Amino acid sequence: EVVEVIGTRIHPYTKKEIAYVAMKVNKDEIIINDPDLDLGMFVKINEITNYFTTPLFDKVIEYLNKLN
């Protein structure tokens, strides 16, 4: 279930378009059925910094700050 579309950007290092979406997972199995999607990744809020080696998108930081 989509909670909020946080934003999109062209990643500064990979130059790929990335969409950031806050979601609520209601099932044990997640199926992404979008032929235009190259790669999807679901990250738990409390583990988000474990997955990124570059600075977080400012809109993601703003979203996370709203949760606190």
PDB file of N, CA and C in Angstrom:
ATOM      1  N   GLU A   1       0.851  -1.178   0.000  1.00  0.00           N
ATOM      2  CA  GLU A   1       0.000   0.000   0.000  1.00  0.00           C
ATOM      3  C   GLU A   1       0.897   1.243   0.000  1.00  0.00           C
ATOM      4  N   VAL A   2       0.705   2.104  -0.975  1.00  0.00           N
ATOM      5  CA  VAL A   2       1.492   3.336  -1.053  1.00  0.00           C
ATOM      6  C   VAL A   2       1.011   4.307   0.018  1.00  0.00           C
ATOM      7  N   VAL A   3       1.949   4.780   0.832  1.00  0.00           N
ATOM      8  CA  VAL A   3       1.650   5.762   1.863  1.00  0.00           C
ATOM      9  C   VAL A   3       1.879   7.163   1.316  1.00  0.00           C
ATOM     10  N   GLU A   4       3.009   7.329   0.614  1.00  0.00           N
ATOM     11  CA  GLU A   4       3.341   8.641   0.066  1.00  0.00           C
ATOM     12  C   GLU A   4       4.402   8.486  -1.022  1.00  0.00           C
ATOM     13  N   VAL A   5       4.238   9.198  -2.118  1.00  0.00           N
ATOM     14  CA  VAL A   5       5.293   9.295  -3.119  1.00  0.00           C
ATOM     15  C   VAL A   5       6.213  10.412  -2.639  1.00  0.00           C
ATOM     16  N   ILE A   6       7.428  10.036  -2.281  1.00  0.00           N
ATOM     17  CA  ILE A   6       8.364  10.997  -1.704  1.00  0.00           C
ATOM     18  C   ILE A   6       8.964  11.890  -2.778  1.00  0.00           C
ATOM     19  N   GLY A   7       9.321  11.307  -3.908  1.00  0.00           N
ATOM     20  CA  GLY A   7       9.870  12.104  -4.998  1.00  0.00           C
ATOM     21  C   GLY A   7      10.681  11.262  -5.959  1.00  0.00           C
ATOM     22  N   THR A   8      11.132  11.881  -7.027  1.00  0.00           N
ATOM     23  CA  THR A   8      11.986  11.222  -8.014  1.00  0.00           C
ATOM     24  C   THR A   8      13.181  12.120  -8.301  1.00  0.00           C
ATOM     25  N   ARG A   9      14.231  11.507  -8.787  1.00  0.00           N
ATOM     26  CA  ARG A   9      15.399  12.285  -9.204  1.00  0.00           C
ATOM     27  C   ARG A   9      16.265  11.435 -10.117  1.00  0.00           C
ATOM     28  N   ILE A  10      17.156  12.092 -10.820  1.00  0.00           N
ATOM     29  CA  ILE A  10      18.214  11.402 -11.532  1.00  0.00           C
ATOM     30  C   ILE A  10      19.361  11.273 -10.526  1.00  0.00           C
ATOM     31  N   HIS A  11      19.741  10.043 -10.226  1.00  0.00           N
ATOM     32  CA  HIS A  11      20.774   9.824  -9.215  1.00  0.00           C
ATOM     33  C   HIS A  11      22.077  10.494  -9.661  1.00  0.00           C
ATOM     34  N   PRO A  12      22.727  11.235  -8.759  1.00  0.00           N
ATOM     35  CA  PRO A  12      23.916  12.001  -9.151  1.00  0.00           C
ATOM     36  C   PRO A  12      25.108  11.147  -9.577  1.00  0.00           C
ATOM     37  N   TYR A  13      25.171   9.899  -9.137  1.00  0.00           N
ATOM     38  CA  TYR A  13      26.313   9.046  -9.496  1.00  0.00           C
ATOM     39  C   TYR A  13      25.982   8.056 -10.608  1.00  0.00           C
ATOM     40  N   THR A  14      24.819   7.406 -10.528  1.00  0.00           N
ATOM     41  CA  THR A  14      24.471   6.389 -11.524  1.00  0.00           C
ATOM     42  C   THR A  14      23.789   6.972 -12.751  1.00  0.00           C
ATOM     43  N   LYS A  15      23.245   8.179 -12.616  1.00  0.00           N
ATOM     44  CA  LYS A  15      22.507   8.873 -13.689  1.00  0.00           C
ATOM     45  C   LYS A  15      21.216   8.153 -14.072  1.00  0.00           C
ATOM     46  N   LYS A  16      20.735   7.273 -13.218  1.00  0.00           N
ATOM     47  CA  LYS A  16      19.465   6.585 -13.457  1.00  0.00           C
ATOM     48  C   LYS A  16      18.352   7.310 -12.709  1.00  0.00           C
ATOM     49  N   GLU A  17      17.147   7.269 -13.284  1.00  0.00           N
ATOM     50  CA  GLU A  17      16.005   7.862 -12.609  1.00  0.00           C
ATOM     51  C   GLU A  17      15.571   6.938 -11.480  1.00  0.00           C
ATOM     52  N   ILE A  18      15.372   7.516 -10.316  1.00  0.00           N
ATOM     53  CA  ILE A  18      14.971   6.755  -9.137  1.00  0.00           C
ATOM     54  C   ILE A  18      13.711   7.379  -8.557  1.00  0.00           C
ATOM     55  N   ALA A  19      12.749   6.530  -8.221  1.00  0.00           N
ATOM     56  CA  ALA A  19      11.532   6.973  -7.541  1.00  0.00           C
ATOM     57  C   ALA A  19      11.587   6.472  -6.105  1.00  0.00           C
ATOM     58  N   TYR A  20      11.251   7.348  -5.183  1.00  0.00           N
ATOM     59  CA  TYR A  20      11.237   7.021  -3.762  1.00  0.00           C
ATOM     60  C   TYR A  20       9.792   7.030  -3.298  1.00  0.00           C
ATOM     61  N   VAL A  21       9.334   5.897  -2.775  1.00  0.00           N
ATOM     62  CA  VAL A  21       7.937   5.746  -2.379  1.00  0.00           C
ATOM     63  C   VAL A  21       7.885   5.126  -0.985  1.00  0.00           C
ATOM     64  N   ALA A  22       7.159   5.742  -0.077  1.00  0.00           N
ATOM     65  CA  ALA A  22       6.932   5.167   1.248  1.00  0.00           C
ATOM     66  C   ALA A  22       5.743   4.219   1.128  1.00  0.00           C
ATOM     67  N   MET A  23       5.938   2.993   1.612  1.00  0.00           N
ATOM     68  CA  MET A  23       4.889   1.987   1.489  1.00  0.00           C
ATOM     69  C   MET A  23       4.662   1.286   2.817  1.00  0.00           C
ATOM     70  N   LYS A  24       3.471   0.774   2.966  1.00  0.00           N
ATOM     71  CA  LYS A  24       3.119  -0.079   4.091  1.00  0.00           C
ATOM     72  C   LYS A  24       2.934  -1.476   3.522  1.00  0.00           C
ATOM     73  N   VAL A  25       3.674  -2.431   4.048  1.00  0.00           N
ATOM     74  CA  VAL A  25       3.604  -3.803   3.548  1.00  0.00           C
ATOM     75  C   VAL A  25       2.564  -4.562   4.359  1.00  0.00           C
ATOM     76  N   ASN A  26       1.607  -5.154   3.658  1.00  0.00           N
ATOM     77  CA  ASN A  26       0.518  -5.867   4.315  1.00  0.00           C
ATOM     78  C   ASN A  26       0.613  -7.379   4.151  1.00  0.00           C
ATOM     79  N   LYS A  27       1.623  -7.855   3.420  1.00  0.00           N
ATOM     80  CA  LYS A  27       1.748  -9.289   3.145  1.00  0.00           C
ATOM     81  C   LYS A  27       3.197  -9.703   3.344  1.00  0.00           C
ATOM     82  N   ASP A  28       3.401 -11.007   3.464  1.00  0.00           N
ATOM     83  CA  ASP A  28       4.756 -11.544   3.578  1.00  0.00           C
ATOM     84  C   ASP A  28       5.466 -11.543   2.232  1.00  0.00           C
ATOM     85  N   GLU A  29       4.715 -11.614   1.141  1.00  0.00           N
ATOM     86  CA  GLU A  29       5.289 -11.670  -0.196  1.00  0.00           C
ATOM     87  C   GLU A  29       4.995 -10.372  -0.931  1.00  0.00           C
ATOM     88  N   ILE A  30       6.021  -9.812  -1.544  1.00  0.00           N
ATOM     89  CA  ILE A  30       5.855  -8.565  -2.285  1.00  0.00           C
ATOM     90  C   ILE A  30       6.081  -8.861  -3.762  1.00  0.00           C
ATOM     91  N   ILE A  31       5.134  -8.462  -4.586  1.00  0.00           N
ATOM     92  CA  ILE A  31       5.232  -8.668  -6.032  1.00  0.00           C
ATOM     93  C   ILE A  31       5.202  -7.307  -6.694  1.00  0.00           C
ATOM     94  N   ILE A  32       6.229  -7.029  -7.486  1.00  0.00           N
ATOM     95  CA  ILE A  32       6.279  -5.783  -8.243  1.00  0.00           C
ATOM     96  C   ILE A  32       5.931  -6.136  -9.682  1.00  0.00           C
ATOM     97  N   ASN A  33       4.806  -5.666 -10.146  1.00  0.00           N
ATOM     98  CA  ASN A  33       4.331  -6.002 -11.478  1.00  0.00           C
ATOM     99  C   ASN A  33       4.356  -4.755 -12.349  1.00  0.00           C
ATOM    100  N   ASP A  34       5.560  -4.324 -12.699  1.00  0.00           N
ATOM    101  CA  ASP A  34       5.729  -3.129 -13.511  1.00  0.00           C
ATOM    102  C   ASP A  34       6.842  -3.376 -14.511  1.00  0.00           C
ATOM    103  N   PRO A  35       6.498  -3.520 -15.799  1.00  0.00           N
ATOM    104  CA  PRO A  35       7.523  -3.826 -16.803  1.00  0.00           C
ATOM    105  C   PRO A  35       8.553  -2.710 -16.988  1.00  0.00           C
ATOM    106  N   ASP A  36       8.253  -1.502 -16.528  1.00  0.00           N
ATOM    107  CA  ASP A  36       9.185  -0.387 -16.668  1.00  0.00           C
ATOM    108  C   ASP A  36      10.167  -0.292 -15.506  1.00  0.00           C
ATOM    109  N   LEU A  37       9.983  -1.129 -14.512  1.00  0.00           N
ATOM    110  CA  LEU A  37      10.828  -1.070 -13.331  1.00  0.00           C
ATOM    111  C   LEU A  37      12.035  -1.981 -13.504  1.00  0.00           C
ATOM    112  N   ASP A  38      13.235  -1.403 -13.463  1.00  0.00           N
ATOM    113  CA  ASP A  38      14.461  -2.182 -13.607  1.00  0.00           C
ATOM    114  C   ASP A  38      14.798  -2.937 -12.327  1.00  0.00           C
ATOM    115  N   LEU A  39      14.650  -2.273 -11.200  1.00  0.00           N
ATOM    116  CA  LEU A  39      15.041  -2.860  -9.927  1.00  0.00           C
ATOM    117  C   LEU A  39      14.219  -2.227  -8.829  1.00  0.00           C
ATOM    118  N   GLY A  40      13.710  -3.042  -7.962  1.00  0.00           N
ATOM    119  CA  GLY A  40      12.964  -2.521  -6.820  1.00  0.00           C
ATOM    120  C   GLY A  40      13.612  -2.998  -5.541  1.00  0.00           C
ATOM    121  N   MET A  41      13.526  -2.182  -4.525  1.00  0.00           N
ATOM    122  CA  MET A  41      14.119  -2.542  -3.249  1.00  0.00           C
ATOM    123  C   MET A  41      13.234  -2.013  -2.132  1.00  0.00           C
ATOM    124  N   PHE A  42      12.856  -2.894  -1.226  1.00  0.00           N
ATOM    125  CA  PHE A  42      12.089  -2.498  -0.064  1.00  0.00           C
ATOM    126  C   PHE A  42      13.037  -2.454   1.122  1.00  0.00           C
ATOM    127  N   VAL A  43      13.034  -1.339   1.824  1.00  0.00           N
ATOM    128  CA  VAL A  43      13.944  -1.134   2.946  1.00  0.00           C
ATOM    129  C   VAL A  43      13.125  -0.706   4.156  1.00  0.00           C
ATOM    130  N   LYS A  44      13.363  -1.368   5.274  1.00  0.00           N
ATOM    131  CA  LYS A  44      12.696  -0.971   6.512  1.00  0.00           C
ATOM    132  C   LYS A  44      13.265   0.364   6.963  1.00  0.00           C
ATOM    133  N   ILE A  45      12.416   1.214   7.520  1.00  0.00           N
ATOM    134  CA  ILE A  45      12.823   2.560   7.925  1.00  0.00           C
ATOM    135  C   ILE A  45      14.032   2.527   8.848  1.00  0.00           C
ATOM    136  N   ASN A  46      14.016   1.629   9.818  1.00  0.00           N
ATOM    137  CA  ASN A  46      15.117   1.605  10.785  1.00  0.00           C
ATOM    138  C   ASN A  46      16.402   1.000  10.232  1.00  0.00           C
ATOM    139  N   GLU A  47      16.376   0.489   8.996  1.00  0.00           N
ATOM    140  CA  GLU A  47      17.559  -0.098   8.375  1.00  0.00           C
ATOM    141  C   GLU A  47      18.023   0.682   7.144  1.00  0.00           C
ATOM    142  N   ILE A  48      17.407   1.811   6.864  1.00  0.00           N
ATOM    143  CA  ILE A  48      17.642   2.520   5.607  1.00  0.00           C
ATOM    144  C   ILE A  48      19.107   2.913   5.407  1.00  0.00           C
ATOM    145  N   THR A  49      19.785   3.327   6.462  1.00  0.00           N
ATOM    146  CA  THR A  49      21.173   3.773   6.292  1.00  0.00           C
ATOM    147  C   THR A  49      22.126   2.619   6.012  1.00  0.00           C
ATOM    148  N   ASN A  50      21.700   1.382   6.230  1.00  0.00           N
ATOM    149  CA  ASN A  50      22.541   0.214   5.921  1.00  0.00           C
ATOM    150  C   ASN A  50      22.664  -0.036   4.427  1.00  0.00           C
ATOM    151  N   TYR A  51      21.800   0.554   3.624  1.00  0.00           N
ATOM    152  CA  TYR A  51      21.732   0.232   2.208  1.00  0.00           C
ATOM    153  C   TYR A  51      22.315   1.297   1.285  1.00  0.00           C
ATOM    154  N   PHE A  52      22.714   2.420   1.821  1.00  0.00           N
ATOM    155  CA  PHE A  52      23.156   3.505   0.964  1.00  0.00           C
ATOM    156  C   PHE A  52      24.599   3.887   1.255  1.00  0.00           C
ATOM    157  N   THR A  53      25.388   4.007   0.195  1.00  0.00           N
ATOM    158  CA  THR A  53      26.783   4.418   0.340  1.00  0.00           C
ATOM    159  C   THR A  53      26.978   5.863  -0.097  1.00  0.00           C
ATOM    160  N   THR A  54      25.924   6.464  -0.615  1.00  0.00           N
ATOM    161  CA  THR A  54      25.961   7.867  -1.030  1.00  0.00           C
ATOM    162  C   THR A  54      24.951   8.632  -0.165  1.00  0.00           C
ATOM    163  N   PRO A  55      25.041   9.937  -0.130  1.00  0.00           N
ATOM    164  CA  PRO A  55      24.086  10.709   0.685  1.00  0.00           C
ATOM    165  C   PRO A  55      22.641  10.433   0.281  1.00  0.00           C
ATOM    166  N   LEU A  56      21.767  10.387   1.271  1.00  0.00           N
ATOM    167  CA  LEU A  56      20.349  10.187   0.998  1.00  0.00           C
ATOM    168  C   LEU A  56      19.768  11.402   0.285  1.00  0.00           C
ATOM    169  N   PHE A  57      18.801  11.142  -0.550  1.00  0.00           N
ATOM    170  CA  PHE A  57      18.042  12.167  -1.251  1.00  0.00           C
ATOM    171  C   PHE A  57      17.398  13.077  -0.199  1.00  0.00           C
ATOM    172  N   ASP A  58      17.507  14.376  -0.382  1.00  0.00           N
ATOM    173  CA  ASP A  58      17.014  15.322   0.631  1.00  0.00           C
ATOM    174  C   ASP A  58      15.530  15.124   0.943  1.00  0.00           C
ATOM    175  N   LYS A  59      14.737  14.743  -0.049  1.00  0.00           N
ATOM    176  CA  LYS A  59      13.308  14.518   0.204  1.00  0.00           C
ATOM    177  C   LYS A  59      13.084  13.280   1.063  1.00  0.00           C
ATOM    178  N   VAL A  60      13.964  12.287   0.968  1.00  0.00           N
ATOM    179  CA  VAL A  60      13.868  11.114   1.826  1.00  0.00           C
ATOM    180  C   VAL A  60      14.202  11.519   3.262  1.00  0.00           C
ATOM    181  N   ILE A  61      15.219  12.321   3.446  1.00  0.00           N
ATOM    182  CA  ILE A  61      15.588  12.817   4.770  1.00  0.00           C
ATOM    183  C   ILE A  61      14.428  13.599   5.388  1.00  0.00           C
ATOM    184  N   GLU A  62      13.805  14.459   4.592  1.00  0.00           N
ATOM    185  CA  GLU A  62      12.657  15.239   5.082  1.00  0.00           C
ATOM    186  C   GLU A  62      11.517  14.307   5.511  1.00  0.00           C
ATOM    187  N   TYR A  63      11.256  13.296   4.715  1.00  0.00           N
ATOM    188  CA  TYR A  63      10.187  12.346   5.044  1.00  0.00           C
ATOM    189  C   TYR A  63      10.498  11.619   6.350  1.00  0.00           C
ATOM    190  N   LEU A  64      11.725  11.129   6.488  1.00  0.00           N
ATOM    191  CA  LEU A  64      12.117  10.411   7.701  1.00  0.00           C
ATOM    192  C   LEU A  64      12.060  11.325   8.929  1.00  0.00           C
ATOM    193  N   ASN A  65      12.430  12.580   8.758  1.00  0.00           N
ATOM    194  CA  ASN A  65      12.362  13.516   9.880  1.00  0.00           C
ATOM    195  C   ASN A  65      10.925  13.771  10.326  1.00  0.00           C
ATOM    196  N   LYS A  66       9.966  13.707   9.401  1.00  0.00           N
ATOM    197  CA  LYS A  66       8.550  13.877   9.748  1.00  0.00           C
ATOM    198  C   LYS A  66       8.056  12.746  10.645  1.00  0.00           C
ATOM    199  N   LEU A  67       8.685  11.587  10.544  1.00  0.00           N
ATOM    200  CA  LEU A  67       8.244  10.424  11.305  1.00  0.00           C
ATOM    201  C   LEU A  67       8.669  10.496  12.765  1.00  0.00           C
ATOM    202  N   ASN A  68       9.673  11.265  13.047  1.00  0.00           N
ATOM    203  CA  ASN A  68      10.189  11.359  14.433  1.00  0.00           C
ATOM    204  C   ASN A  68       9.438  12.361  15.248  1.00  0.00           C
TER     205      ASN A  68
END
